[in-house]
């Protein structure tokens, strides 16, 4: 749940990996980063390590690197 007073969301968000837990059927997030599949856009969760706010962003291996 988002903490409206959190000032760390921009700096302390960690890229995660979303998956479905086989036992419960729940959507879960593992805070280990993985490579994007080639040629695919992937919806990736970014979780603030201070308050737990989760922001979903699209990531692609074809994006130009700056």
C-alpha atoms as a PDB file:
ATOM      1  CA  UNK A   1       0.000   0.000   0.000  1.00  0.00           C
ATOM      2  CA  UNK A   2       1.296   3.446  -0.884  1.00  0.00           C
ATOM      3  CA  UNK A   3       2.567   5.729   1.842  1.00  0.00           C
ATOM      4  CA  UNK A   4       1.550   9.201   0.630  1.00  0.00           C
ATOM      5  CA  UNK A   5       4.349  10.801   2.642  1.00  0.00           C
ATOM      6  CA  UNK A   6       7.122   8.679   1.092  1.00  0.00           C
ATOM      7  CA  UNK A   7       9.843  10.730  -0.567  1.00  0.00           C
ATOM      8  CA  UNK A   8      11.924   7.713  -1.650  1.00  0.00           C
ATOM      9  CA  UNK A   9       9.798   6.258  -4.477  1.00  0.00           C
ATOM     10  CA  UNK A  10      11.848   7.890  -7.257  1.00  0.00           C
ATOM     11  CA  UNK A  11      15.268   6.929  -5.900  1.00  0.00           C
ATOM     12  CA  UNK A  12      14.625   3.601  -4.154  1.00  0.00           C
ATOM     13  CA  UNK A  13      12.403   1.723  -6.590  1.00  0.00           C
ATOM     14  CA  UNK A  14      13.737  -1.700  -7.558  1.00  0.00           C
ATOM     15  CA  UNK A  15      12.887  -3.524 -10.784  1.00  0.00           C
ATOM     16  CA  UNK A  16      11.106  -6.782 -10.142  1.00  0.00           C
ATOM     17  CA  UNK A  17       9.708  -9.773 -11.983  1.00  0.00           C
ATOM     18  CA  UNK A  18       6.020 -10.657 -11.867  1.00  0.00           C
ATOM     19  CA  UNK A  19       4.851 -14.280 -11.801  1.00  0.00           C
ATOM     20  CA  UNK A  20       1.808 -16.365 -10.844  1.00  0.00           C
ATOM     21  CA  UNK A  21       2.298 -18.514  -7.731  1.00  0.00           C
ATOM     22  CA  UNK A  22       1.417 -22.090  -8.696  1.00  0.00           C
ATOM     23  CA  UNK A  23      -0.004 -23.033  -5.271  1.00  0.00           C
ATOM     24  CA  UNK A  24      -2.220 -19.994  -4.625  1.00  0.00           C
ATOM     25  CA  UNK A  25      -2.794 -18.585  -8.120  1.00  0.00           C
ATOM     26  CA  UNK A  26      -1.829 -15.110  -6.847  1.00  0.00           C
ATOM     27  CA  UNK A  27       0.187 -12.556  -8.813  1.00  0.00           C
ATOM     28  CA  UNK A  28       3.524 -12.149  -6.985  1.00  0.00           C
ATOM     29  CA  UNK A  29       6.602  -9.971  -7.486  1.00  0.00           C
ATOM     30  CA  UNK A  30      10.179 -11.160  -7.038  1.00  0.00           C
ATOM     31  CA  UNK A  31      12.649  -8.280  -6.660  1.00  0.00           C
ATOM     32  CA  UNK A  32      15.261  -9.827  -8.914  1.00  0.00           C
ATOM     33  CA  UNK A  33      15.716  -8.306 -12.335  1.00  0.00           C
ATOM     34  CA  UNK A  34      15.594 -10.474 -15.439  1.00  0.00           C
ATOM     35  CA  UNK A  35      16.454  -9.887 -19.076  1.00  0.00           C
ATOM     36  CA  UNK A  36      13.662  -9.001 -21.479  1.00  0.00           C
ATOM     37  CA  UNK A  37      12.773 -11.602 -24.091  1.00  0.00           C
ATOM     38  CA  UNK A  38      14.167 -10.581 -27.482  1.00  0.00           C
ATOM     39  CA  UNK A  39      11.718  -8.613 -29.612  1.00  0.00           C
ATOM     40  CA  UNK A  40       9.038  -8.402 -26.898  1.00  0.00           C
ATOM     41  CA  UNK A  41       7.685  -5.590 -24.753  1.00  0.00           C
ATOM     42  CA  UNK A  42       7.298  -6.662 -21.112  1.00  0.00           C
ATOM     43  CA  UNK A  43       5.256  -5.125 -18.300  1.00  0.00           C
ATOM     44  CA  UNK A  44       7.682  -4.761 -15.366  1.00  0.00           C
ATOM     45  CA  UNK A  45       6.891  -3.864 -11.725  1.00  0.00           C
ATOM     46  CA  UNK A  46       9.078  -1.291  -9.955  1.00  0.00           C
ATOM     47  CA  UNK A  47       8.668  -1.494  -6.159  1.00  0.00           C
ATOM     48  CA  UNK A  48       9.724   1.220  -3.688  1.00  0.00           C
ATOM     49  CA  UNK A  49      11.836  -0.485  -1.010  1.00  0.00           C
ATOM     50  CA  UNK A  50      10.691   2.075   1.581  1.00  0.00           C
ATOM     51  CA  UNK A  51       6.882   2.135   1.275  1.00  0.00           C
ATOM     52  CA  UNK A  52       6.050  -0.707  -1.129  1.00  0.00           C
ATOM     53  CA  UNK A  53       4.412   1.440  -3.827  1.00  0.00           C
ATOM     54  CA  UNK A  54       4.406  -0.516  -7.103  1.00  0.00           C
ATOM     55  CA  UNK A  55       4.625   1.218 -10.470  1.00  0.00           C
ATOM     56  CA  UNK A  56       4.221  -0.792 -13.677  1.00  0.00           C
ATOM     57  CA  UNK A  57       6.266   0.236 -16.724  1.00  0.00           C
ATOM     58  CA  UNK A  58       6.765  -1.235 -20.176  1.00  0.00           C
ATOM     59  CA  UNK A  59      10.304  -2.423 -20.883  1.00  0.00           C
ATOM     60  CA  UNK A  60      11.712  -3.576 -24.194  1.00  0.00           C
ATOM     61  CA  UNK A  61      15.078  -4.958 -25.276  1.00  0.00           C
ATOM     62  CA  UNK A  62      14.696  -2.946 -28.500  1.00  0.00           C
ATOM     63  CA  UNK A  63      14.629   0.468 -26.749  1.00  0.00           C
ATOM     64  CA  UNK A  64      17.525   2.712 -27.698  1.00  0.00           C
ATOM     65  CA  UNK A  65      20.106   2.936 -24.962  1.00  0.00           C
ATOM     66  CA  UNK A  66      21.114   6.458 -23.992  1.00  0.00           C
END
